[in-house]
Amino acid sequence: MTKRDLVVRIANQIEMNQADVMKVVQRTFDTITNELAAGRSIEFRNFGVFELVKRRPRVGRNPNSPQNTVQIPERVVVKFKPGRVMKKKVSMLSPRDIGE
């Protein structure tokens, strides 16, 4: 699903103008991004939590030439932890249900 697909689906469900729904969806994504960029986590009950995690520095290797190592520096990444409702719905899926 793309952002556009999401907007169309929501607009059809609530019978609202797609342009207005697009503005709301984009503002939502912008707000989430800005909060994370400010170092704050975001929690949506029953959906999940976006939090910042510090990854330690490590040594990486090129699979084509494993003798060459590369230092990968410490960095901050976003981690998503699904909420109870999402976990329950996803856990009911069969591996055959997932398209590749």
PDB file of N, CA and C in Angstrom:
ATOM      1  N   MET A   1       0.845  -1.172   0.000  1.00  0.00           N
ATOM      2  CA  MET A   1       0.000   0.000   0.000  1.00  0.00           C
ATOM      3  C   MET A   1       0.889   1.233   0.000  1.00  0.00           C
ATOM      4  N   THR A   2       0.531   2.190  -0.808  1.00  0.00           N
ATOM      5  CA  THR A   2       1.252   3.456  -0.865  1.00  0.00           C
ATOM      6  C   THR A   2       0.474   4.528  -0.094  1.00  0.00           C
ATOM      7  N   LYS A   3       1.103   5.677   0.078  1.00  0.00           N
ATOM      8  CA  LYS A   3       0.422   6.779   0.751  1.00  0.00           C
ATOM      9  C   LYS A   3      -0.832   7.159  -0.031  1.00  0.00           C
ATOM     10  N   ARG A   4      -0.719   7.158  -1.337  1.00  0.00           N
ATOM     11  CA  ARG A   4      -1.867   7.493  -2.196  1.00  0.00           C
ATOM     12  C   ARG A   4      -3.008   6.495  -1.992  1.00  0.00           C
ATOM     13  N   ASP A   5      -2.672   5.197  -1.934  1.00  0.00           N
ATOM     14  CA  ASP A   5      -3.690   4.172  -1.687  1.00  0.00           C
ATOM     15  C   ASP A   5      -4.390   4.409  -0.350  1.00  0.00           C
ATOM     16  N   LEU A   6      -3.616   4.751   0.651  1.00  0.00           N
ATOM     17  CA  LEU A   6      -4.156   5.027   1.978  1.00  0.00           C
ATOM     18  C   LEU A   6      -5.135   6.199   1.932  1.00  0.00           C
ATOM     19  N   VAL A   7      -4.730   7.266   1.259  1.00  0.00           N
ATOM     20  CA  VAL A   7      -5.570   8.462   1.146  1.00  0.00           C
ATOM     21  C   VAL A   7      -6.876   8.132   0.432  1.00  0.00           C
ATOM     22  N   VAL A   8      -6.794   7.418  -0.663  1.00  0.00           N
ATOM     23  CA  VAL A   8      -8.005   7.063  -1.418  1.00  0.00           C
ATOM     24  C   VAL A   8      -8.948   6.223  -0.559  1.00  0.00           C
ATOM     25  N   ARG A   9      -8.381   5.234   0.143  1.00  0.00           N
ATOM     26  CA  ARG A   9      -9.215   4.360   0.979  1.00  0.00           C
ATOM     27  C   ARG A   9      -9.906   5.144   2.083  1.00  0.00           C
ATOM     28  N   ILE A  10      -9.154   6.010   2.779  1.00  0.00           N
ATOM     29  CA  ILE A  10      -9.744   6.805   3.870  1.00  0.00           C
ATOM     30  C   ILE A  10     -10.790   7.763   3.317  1.00  0.00           C
ATOM     31  N   ALA A  11     -10.476   8.436   2.216  1.00  0.00           N
ATOM     32  CA  ALA A  11     -11.416   9.395   1.616  1.00  0.00           C
ATOM     33  C   ALA A  11     -12.724   8.709   1.250  1.00  0.00           C
ATOM     34  N   ASN A  12     -12.640   7.505   0.709  1.00  0.00           N
ATOM     35  CA  ASN A  12     -13.855   6.766   0.346  1.00  0.00           C
ATOM     36  C   ASN A  12     -14.630   6.316   1.582  1.00  0.00           C
ATOM     37  N   GLN A  13     -13.927   5.926   2.631  1.00  0.00           N
ATOM     38  CA  GLN A  13     -14.597   5.443   3.842  1.00  0.00           C
ATOM     39  C   GLN A  13     -15.336   6.551   4.577  1.00  0.00           C
ATOM     40  N   ILE A  14     -14.756   7.746   4.596  1.00  0.00           N
ATOM     41  CA  ILE A  14     -15.396   8.835   5.354  1.00  0.00           C
ATOM     42  C   ILE A  14     -16.030   9.883   4.446  1.00  0.00           C
ATOM     43  N   GLU A  15     -16.055   9.571   3.133  1.00  0.00           N
ATOM     44  CA  GLU A  15     -16.681  10.467   2.149  1.00  0.00           C
ATOM     45  C   GLU A  15     -16.161  11.898   2.290  1.00  0.00           C
ATOM     46  N   MET A  16     -14.852  12.004   2.180  1.00  0.00           N
ATOM     47  CA  MET A  16     -14.193  13.298   2.304  1.00  0.00           C
ATOM     48  C   MET A  16     -13.324  13.520   1.068  1.00  0.00           C
ATOM     49  N   ASN A  17     -13.042  14.755   0.761  1.00  0.00           N
ATOM     50  CA  ASN A  17     -12.218  15.135  -0.382  1.00  0.00           C
ATOM     51  C   ASN A  17     -10.817  14.530  -0.240  1.00  0.00           C
ATOM     52  N   GLN A  18     -10.308  13.909  -1.309  1.00  0.00           N
ATOM     53  CA  GLN A  18      -8.982  13.275  -1.258  1.00  0.00           C
ATOM     54  C   GLN A  18      -7.873  14.279  -0.959  1.00  0.00           C
ATOM     55  N   ALA A  19      -7.990  15.485  -1.464  1.00  0.00           N
ATOM     56  CA  ALA A  19      -6.955  16.500  -1.220  1.00  0.00           C
ATOM     57  C   ALA A  19      -6.865  16.838   0.264  1.00  0.00           C
ATOM     58  N   ASP A  20      -8.018  16.941   0.922  1.00  0.00           N
ATOM     59  CA  ASP A  20      -8.025  17.241   2.356  1.00  0.00           C
ATOM     60  C   ASP A  20      -7.461  16.073   3.163  1.00  0.00           C
ATOM     61  N   VAL A  21      -7.825  14.861   2.778  1.00  0.00           N
ATOM     62  CA  VAL A  21      -7.299  13.680   3.464  1.00  0.00           C
ATOM     63  C   VAL A  21      -5.784  13.604   3.275  1.00  0.00           C
ATOM     64  N   MET A  22      -5.305  13.914   2.062  1.00  0.00           N
ATOM     65  CA  MET A  22      -3.860  13.907   1.788  1.00  0.00           C
ATOM     66  C   MET A  22      -3.141  14.888   2.705  1.00  0.00           C
ATOM     67  N   LYS A  23      -3.722  16.066   2.917  1.00  0.00           N
ATOM     68  CA  LYS A  23      -3.104  17.050   3.807  1.00  0.00           C
ATOM     69  C   LYS A  23      -2.992  16.504   5.235  1.00  0.00           C
ATOM     70  N   VAL A  24      -4.040  15.861   5.713  1.00  0.00           N
ATOM     71  CA  VAL A  24      -4.041  15.316   7.073  1.00  0.00           C
ATOM     72  C   VAL A  24      -3.009  14.195   7.200  1.00  0.00           C
ATOM     73  N   VAL A  25      -2.996  13.295   6.220  1.00  0.00           N
ATOM     74  CA  VAL A  25      -2.050  12.181   6.260  1.00  0.00           C
ATOM     75  C   VAL A  25      -0.617  12.706   6.216  1.00  0.00           C
ATOM     76  N   GLN A  26      -0.345  13.658   5.317  1.00  0.00           N
ATOM     77  CA  GLN A  26       1.004  14.209   5.205  1.00  0.00           C
ATOM     78  C   GLN A  26       1.415  14.926   6.483  1.00  0.00           C
ATOM     79  N   ARG A  27       0.502  15.690   7.078  1.00  0.00           N
ATOM     80  CA  ARG A  27       0.802  16.371   8.343  1.00  0.00           C
ATOM     81  C   ARG A  27       1.094  15.367   9.447  1.00  0.00           C
ATOM     82  N   THR A  28       0.356  14.256   9.454  1.00  0.00           N
ATOM     83  CA  THR A  28       0.585  13.202  10.443  1.00  0.00           C
ATOM     84  C   THR A  28       1.994  12.644  10.301  1.00  0.00           C
ATOM     85  N   PHE A  29       2.372  12.298   9.071  1.00  0.00           N
ATOM     86  CA  PHE A  29       3.714  11.762   8.826  1.00  0.00           C
ATOM     87  C   PHE A  29       4.783  12.786   9.171  1.00  0.00           C
ATOM     88  N   ASP A  30       4.557  14.052   8.812  1.00  0.00           N
ATOM     89  CA  ASP A  30       5.529  15.108   9.127  1.00  0.00           C
ATOM     90  C   ASP A  30       5.700  15.269  10.634  1.00  0.00           C
ATOM     91  N   THR A  31       4.603  15.211  11.361  1.00  0.00           N
ATOM     92  CA  THR A  31       4.658  15.358  12.820  1.00  0.00           C
ATOM     93  C   THR A  31       5.409  14.192  13.459  1.00  0.00           C
ATOM     94  N   ILE A  32       5.143  12.981  12.997  1.00  0.00           N
ATOM     95  CA  ILE A  32       5.856  11.807  13.505  1.00  0.00           C
ATOM     96  C   ILE A  32       7.353  11.966  13.247  1.00  0.00           C
ATOM     97  N   THR A  33       7.709  12.342  12.022  1.00  0.00           N
ATOM     98  CA  THR A  33       9.119  12.516  11.659  1.00  0.00           C
ATOM     99  C   THR A  33       9.779  13.601  12.501  1.00  0.00           C
ATOM    100  N   ASN A  34       9.103  14.726  12.692  1.00  0.00           N
ATOM    101  CA  ASN A  34       9.672  15.828  13.469  1.00  0.00           C
ATOM    102  C   ASN A  34       9.852  15.452  14.938  1.00  0.00           C
ATOM    103  N   GLU A  35       8.915  14.717  15.505  1.00  0.00           N
ATOM    104  CA  GLU A  35       9.049  14.282  16.897  1.00  0.00           C
ATOM    105  C   GLU A  35      10.237  13.338  17.058  1.00  0.00           C
ATOM    106  N   LEU A  36      10.382  12.397  16.130  1.00  0.00           N
ATOM    107  CA  LEU A  36      11.526  11.486  16.194  1.00  0.00           C
ATOM    108  C   LEU A  36      12.836  12.239  16.009  1.00  0.00           C
ATOM    109  N   ALA A  37      12.850  13.203  15.079  1.00  0.00           N
ATOM    110  CA  ALA A  37      14.058  13.998  14.838  1.00  0.00           C
ATOM    111  C   ALA A  37      14.427  14.836  16.061  1.00  0.00           C
ATOM    112  N   ALA A  38      13.434  15.144  16.903  1.00  0.00           N
ATOM    113  CA  ALA A  38      13.688  15.904  18.129  1.00  0.00           C
ATOM    114  C   ALA A  38      14.090  14.981  19.283  1.00  0.00           C
ATOM    115  N   GLY A  39      14.175  13.684  19.012  1.00  0.00           N
ATOM    116  CA  GLY A  39      14.625  12.752  20.040  1.00  0.00           C
ATOM    117  C   GLY A  39      13.526  12.188  20.917  1.00  0.00           C
ATOM    118  N   ARG A  40      12.282  12.350  20.503  1.00  0.00           N
ATOM    119  CA  ARG A  40      11.158  11.867  21.302  1.00  0.00           C
ATOM    120  C   ARG A  40      10.519  10.645  20.645  1.00  0.00           C
ATOM    121  N   SER A  41      10.051   9.709  21.465  1.00  0.00           N
ATOM    122  CA  SER A  41       9.355   8.540  20.932  1.00  0.00           C
ATOM    123  C   SER A  41       7.870   8.875  20.776  1.00  0.00           C
ATOM    124  N   ILE A  42       7.181   8.033  20.012  1.00  0.00           N
ATOM    125  CA  ILE A  42       5.760   8.252  19.739  1.00  0.00           C
ATOM    126  C   ILE A  42       5.021   6.958  20.026  1.00  0.00           C
ATOM    127  N   GLU A  43       3.947   7.061  20.784  1.00  0.00           N
ATOM    128  CA  GLU A  43       3.164   5.875  21.128  1.00  0.00           C
ATOM    129  C   GLU A  43       1.724   6.052  20.670  1.00  0.00           C
ATOM    130  N   PHE A  44       1.253   5.096  19.884  1.00  0.00           N
ATOM    131  CA  PHE A  44      -0.144   5.033  19.479  1.00  0.00           C
ATOM    132  C   PHE A  44      -0.716   3.773  20.122  1.00  0.00           C
ATOM    133  N   ARG A  45      -1.554   3.934  21.124  1.00  0.00           N
ATOM    134  CA  ARG A  45      -2.112   2.788  21.853  1.00  0.00           C
ATOM    135  C   ARG A  45      -2.755   1.799  20.891  1.00  0.00           C
ATOM    136  N   ASN A  46      -2.508   0.532  21.126  1.00  0.00           N
ATOM    137  CA  ASN A  46      -3.011  -0.584  20.339  1.00  0.00           C
ATOM    138  C   ASN A  46      -2.472  -0.640  18.913  1.00  0.00           C
ATOM    139  N   PHE A  47      -1.679   0.331  18.511  1.00  0.00           N
ATOM    140  CA  PHE A  47      -1.047   0.292  17.191  1.00  0.00           C
ATOM    141  C   PHE A  47       0.429  -0.040  17.344  1.00  0.00           C
ATOM    142  N   GLY A  48       1.149   0.819  18.078  1.00  0.00           N
ATOM    143  CA  GLY A  48       2.557   0.550  18.296  1.00  0.00           C
ATOM    144  C   GLY A  48       3.322   1.773  18.766  1.00  0.00           C
ATOM    145  N   VAL A  49       4.621   1.569  18.933  1.00  0.00           N
ATOM    146  CA  VAL A  49       5.509   2.624  19.437  1.00  0.00           C
ATOM    147  C   VAL A  49       6.687   2.786  18.481  1.00  0.00           C
ATOM    148  N   PHE A  50       6.950   4.029  18.105  1.00  0.00           N
ATOM    149  CA  PHE A  50       8.155   4.376  17.361  1.00  0.00           C
ATOM    150  C   PHE A  50       9.132   4.929  18.386  1.00  0.00           C
ATOM    151  N   GLU A  51      10.311   4.323  18.470  1.00  0.00           N
ATOM    152  CA  GLU A  51      11.295   4.825  19.422  1.00  0.00           C
ATOM    153  C   GLU A  51      12.673   4.871  18.780  1.00  0.00           C
ATOM    154  N   LEU A  52      13.540   5.675  19.361  1.00  0.00           N
ATOM    155  CA  LEU A  52      14.900   5.803  18.864  1.00  0.00           C
ATOM    156  C   LEU A  52      15.807   4.848  19.628  1.00  0.00           C
ATOM    157  N   VAL A  53      16.663   4.176  18.898  1.00  0.00           N
ATOM    158  CA  VAL A  53      17.594   3.214  19.485  1.00  0.00           C
ATOM    159  C   VAL A  53      18.994   3.539  18.972  1.00  0.00           C
ATOM    160  N   LYS A  54      19.964   3.485  19.889  1.00  0.00           N
ATOM    161  CA  LYS A  54      21.348   3.739  19.502  1.00  0.00           C
ATOM    162  C   LYS A  54      22.005   2.413  19.116  1.00  0.00           C
ATOM    163  N   ARG A  55      22.510   2.333  17.893  1.00  0.00           N
ATOM    164  CA  ARG A  55      23.232   1.141  17.449  1.00  0.00           C
ATOM    165  C   ARG A  55      24.708   1.334  17.742  1.00  0.00           C
ATOM    166  N   ARG A  56      25.323   0.325  18.346  1.00  0.00           N
ATOM    167  CA  ARG A  56      26.746   0.405  18.676  1.00  0.00           C
ATOM    168  C   ARG A  56      27.586   0.324  17.409  1.00  0.00           C
ATOM    169  N   PRO A  57      28.797   0.868  17.456  1.00  0.00           N
ATOM    170  CA  PRO A  57      29.681   0.724  16.285  1.00  0.00           C
ATOM    171  C   PRO A  57      30.048  -0.749  16.105  1.00  0.00           C
ATOM    172  N   ARG A  58      30.281  -1.145  14.869  1.00  0.00           N
ATOM    173  CA  ARG A  58      30.612  -2.543  14.602  1.00  0.00           C
ATOM    174  C   ARG A  58      31.480  -2.649  13.364  1.00  0.00           C
ATOM    175  N   VAL A  59      31.977  -3.840  13.143  1.00  0.00           N
ATOM    176  CA  VAL A  59      32.816  -4.108  11.984  1.00  0.00           C
ATOM    177  C   VAL A  59      31.959  -4.821  10.944  1.00  0.00           C
ATOM    178  N   GLY A  60      31.975  -4.305   9.719  1.00  0.00           N
ATOM    179  CA  GLY A  60      31.240  -4.927   8.627  1.00  0.00           C
ATOM    180  C   GLY A  60      32.196  -5.531   7.622  1.00  0.00           C
ATOM    181  N   ARG A  61      31.695  -6.455   6.839  1.00  0.00           N
ATOM    182  CA  ARG A  61      32.512  -7.108   5.814  1.00  0.00           C
ATOM    183  C   ARG A  61      31.777  -7.083   4.481  1.00  0.00           C
ATOM    184  N   ASN A  62      32.548  -6.940   3.414  1.00  0.00           N
ATOM    185  CA  ASN A  62      32.004  -7.024   2.071  1.00  0.00           C
ATOM    186  C   ASN A  62      31.874  -8.505   1.728  1.00  0.00           C
ATOM    187  N   PRO A  63      30.673  -8.985   1.386  1.00  0.00           N
ATOM    188  CA  PRO A  63      30.517 -10.412   1.088  1.00  0.00           C
ATOM    189  C   PRO A  63      31.359 -10.869  -0.116  1.00  0.00           C
ATOM    190  N   ASN A  64      31.652  -9.954  -1.017  1.00  0.00           N
ATOM    191  CA  ASN A  64      32.449 -10.311  -2.195  1.00  0.00           C
ATOM    192  C   ASN A  64      33.940 -10.403  -1.883  1.00  0.00           C
ATOM    193  N   SER A  65      34.389  -9.700  -0.857  1.00  0.00           N
ATOM    194  CA  SER A  65      35.791  -9.788  -0.437  1.00  0.00           C
ATOM    195  C   SER A  65      35.831  -9.700   1.091  1.00  0.00           C
ATOM    196  N   PRO A  66      35.545 -10.823   1.770  1.00  0.00           N
ATOM    197  CA  PRO A  66      35.427 -10.829   3.236  1.00  0.00           C
ATOM    198  C   PRO A  66      36.689 -10.406   3.979  1.00  0.00           C
ATOM    199  N   GLN A  67      37.832 -10.430   3.326  1.00  0.00           N
ATOM    200  CA  GLN A  67      39.058 -10.009   4.000  1.00  0.00           C
ATOM    201  C   GLN A  67      39.077  -8.498   4.240  1.00  0.00           C
ATOM    202  N   ASN A  68      38.263  -7.753   3.505  1.00  0.00           N
ATOM    203  CA  ASN A  68      38.199  -6.303   3.684  1.00  0.00           C
ATOM    204  C   ASN A  68      37.120  -5.969   4.713  1.00  0.00           C
ATOM    205  N   THR A  69      37.533  -5.329   5.803  1.00  0.00           N
ATOM    206  CA  THR A  69      36.572  -4.937   6.829  1.00  0.00           C
ATOM    207  C   THR A  69      36.327  -3.434   6.758  1.00  0.00           C
ATOM    208  N   VAL A  70      35.164  -3.049   7.221  1.00  0.00           N
ATOM    209  CA  VAL A  70      34.767  -1.641   7.212  1.00  0.00           C
ATOM    210  C   VAL A  70      34.213  -1.319   8.593  1.00  0.00           C
ATOM    211  N   GLN A  71      34.640  -0.204   9.155  1.00  0.00           N
ATOM    212  CA  GLN A  71      34.111   0.239  10.445  1.00  0.00           C
ATOM    213  C   GLN A  71      32.756   0.908  10.202  1.00  0.00           C
ATOM    214  N   ILE A  72      31.724   0.405  10.851  1.00  0.00           N
ATOM    215  CA  ILE A  72      30.401   1.022  10.772  1.00  0.00           C
ATOM    216  C   ILE A  72      30.225   1.810  12.068  1.00  0.00           C
ATOM    217  N   PRO A  73      30.067   3.133  11.955  1.00  0.00           N
ATOM    218  CA  PRO A  73      30.008   3.966  13.165  1.00  0.00           C
ATOM    219  C   PRO A  73      28.700   3.794  13.945  1.00  0.00           C
ATOM    220  N   GLU A  74      28.726   4.260  15.181  1.00  0.00           N
ATOM    221  CA  GLU A  74      27.529   4.298  16.012  1.00  0.00           C
ATOM    222  C   GLU A  74      26.499   5.184  15.315  1.00  0.00           C
ATOM    223  N   ARG A  75      25.224   4.803  15.432  1.00  0.00           N
ATOM    224  CA  ARG A  75      24.190   5.628  14.819  1.00  0.00           C
ATOM    225  C   ARG A  75      22.870   5.427  15.536  1.00  0.00           C
ATOM    226  N   VAL A  76      21.958   6.331  15.296  1.00  0.00           N
ATOM    227  CA  VAL A  76      20.626   6.265  15.884  1.00  0.00           C
ATOM    228  C   VAL A  76      19.658   5.816  14.795  1.00  0.00           C
ATOM    229  N   VAL A  77      18.810   4.850  15.125  1.00  0.00           N
ATOM    230  CA  VAL A  77      17.822   4.344  14.177  1.00  0.00           C
ATOM    231  C   VAL A  77      16.444   4.348  14.829  1.00  0.00           C
ATOM    232  N   VAL A  78      15.412   4.291  14.001  1.00  0.00           N
ATOM    233  CA  VAL A  78      14.039   4.223  14.488  1.00  0.00           C
ATOM    234  C   VAL A  78      13.638   2.759  14.587  1.00  0.00           C
ATOM    235  N   LYS A  79      13.072   2.404  15.720  1.00  0.00           N
ATOM    236  CA  LYS A  79      12.584   1.046  15.945  1.00  0.00           C
ATOM    237  C   LYS A  79      11.071   1.132  16.114  1.00  0.00           C
ATOM    238  N   PHE A  80      10.363   0.201  15.496  1.00  0.00           N
ATOM    239  CA  PHE A  80       8.915   0.145  15.666  1.00  0.00           C
ATOM    240  C   PHE A  80       8.557  -1.122  16.424  1.00  0.00           C
ATOM    241  N   LYS A  81       7.806  -0.963  17.483  1.00  0.00           N
ATOM    242  CA  LYS A  81       7.336  -2.106  18.262  1.00  0.00           C
ATOM    243  C   LYS A  81       5.814  -2.139  18.136  1.00  0.00           C
ATOM    244  N   PRO A  82       5.274  -3.173  17.492  1.00  0.00           N
ATOM    245  CA  PRO A  82       3.826  -3.222  17.287  1.00  0.00           C
ATOM    246  C   PRO A  82       3.063  -3.352  18.600  1.00  0.00           C
ATOM    247  N   GLY A  83       1.873  -2.770  18.617  1.00  0.00           N
ATOM    248  CA  GLY A  83       1.004  -2.856  19.777  1.00  0.00           C
ATOM    249  C   GLY A  83       0.241  -4.171  19.808  1.00  0.00           C
ATOM    250  N   ARG A  84      -0.515  -4.362  20.869  1.00  0.00           N
ATOM    251  CA  ARG A  84      -1.223  -5.619  21.108  1.00  0.00           C
ATOM    252  C   ARG A  84      -2.192  -5.971  19.978  1.00  0.00           C
ATOM    253  N   VAL A  85      -2.997  -5.013  19.542  1.00  0.00           N
ATOM    254  CA  VAL A  85      -3.994  -5.290  18.503  1.00  0.00           C
ATOM    255  C   VAL A  85      -3.318  -5.672  17.190  1.00  0.00           C
ATOM    256  N   MET A  86      -2.280  -4.937  16.817  1.00  0.00           N
ATOM    257  CA  MET A  86      -1.573  -5.252  15.571  1.00  0.00           C
ATOM    258  C   MET A  86      -0.911  -6.622  15.659  1.00  0.00           C
ATOM    259  N   LYS A  87      -0.255  -6.904  16.784  1.00  0.00           N
ATOM    260  CA  LYS A  87       0.395  -8.209  16.957  1.00  0.00           C
ATOM    261  C   LYS A  87      -0.608  -9.338  16.787  1.00  0.00           C
ATOM    262  N   LYS A  88      -1.772  -9.168  17.395  1.00  0.00           N
ATOM    263  CA  LYS A  88      -2.788 -10.219  17.337  1.00  0.00           C
ATOM    264  C   LYS A  88      -3.259 -10.431  15.898  1.00  0.00           C
ATOM    265  N   LYS A  89      -3.542  -9.367  15.185  1.00  0.00           N
ATOM    266  CA  LYS A  89      -4.031  -9.498  13.809  1.00  0.00           C
ATOM    267  C   LYS A  89      -2.968 -10.090  12.888  1.00  0.00           C
ATOM    268  N   VAL A  90      -1.729  -9.662  13.044  1.00  0.00           N
ATOM    269  CA  VAL A  90      -0.644 -10.163  12.195  1.00  0.00           C
ATOM    270  C   VAL A  90      -0.330 -11.613  12.519  1.00  0.00           C
ATOM    271  N   SER A  91      -0.424 -11.989  13.785  1.00  0.00           N
ATOM    272  CA  SER A  91      -0.102 -13.364  14.175  1.00  0.00           C
ATOM    273  C   SER A  91      -1.093 -14.370  13.605  1.00  0.00           C
ATOM    274  N   MET A  92      -2.257 -13.920  13.190  1.00  0.00           N
ATOM    275  CA  MET A  92      -3.251 -14.815  12.620  1.00  0.00           C
ATOM    276  C   MET A  92      -2.967 -15.115  11.147  1.00  0.00           C
ATOM    277  N   LEU A  93      -2.001 -14.422  10.552  1.00  0.00           N
ATOM    278  CA  LEU A  93      -1.634 -14.666   9.158  1.00  0.00           C
ATOM    279  C   LEU A  93      -0.846 -15.965   9.021  1.00  0.00           C
ATOM    280  N   SER A  94      -1.027 -16.600   7.904  1.00  0.00           N
ATOM    281  CA  SER A  94      -0.230 -17.767   7.557  1.00  0.00           C
ATOM    282  C   SER A  94       0.923 -17.291   6.676  1.00  0.00           C
ATOM    283  N   PRO A  95       2.073 -17.959   6.684  1.00  0.00           N
ATOM    284  CA  PRO A  95       3.158 -17.551   5.785  1.00  0.00           C
ATOM    285  C   PRO A  95       2.724 -17.536   4.316  1.00  0.00           C
ATOM    286  N   ARG A  96       1.723 -18.338   3.974  1.00  0.00           N
ATOM    287  CA  ARG A  96       1.222 -18.356   2.593  1.00  0.00           C
ATOM    288  C   ARG A  96       0.478 -17.074   2.255  1.00  0.00           C
ATOM    289  N   ASP A  97       0.006 -16.340   3.283  1.00  0.00           N
ATOM    290  CA  ASP A  97      -0.760 -15.109   3.063  1.00  0.00           C
ATOM    291  C   ASP A  97       0.112 -13.940   2.614  1.00  0.00           C
ATOM    292  N   ILE A  98       1.410 -14.074   2.784  1.00  0.00           N
ATOM    293  CA  ILE A  98       2.320 -12.969   2.493  1.00  0.00           C
ATOM    294  C   ILE A  98       2.887 -13.141   1.091  1.00  0.00           C
ATOM    295  N   GLY A  99       2.610 -12.169   0.238  1.00  0.00           N
ATOM    296  CA  GLY A  99       3.143 -12.212  -1.122  1.00  0.00           C
ATOM    297  C   GLY A  99       4.580 -11.733  -1.161  1.00  0.00           C
ATOM    298  N   GLU A 100       5.346 -12.297  -2.029  1.00  0.00           N
ATOM    299  CA  GLU A 100       6.764 -11.900  -2.120  1.00  0.00           C
ATOM    300  C   GLU A 100       7.036 -11.190  -3.385  1.00  0.00           C
TER     301      GLU A 100
END
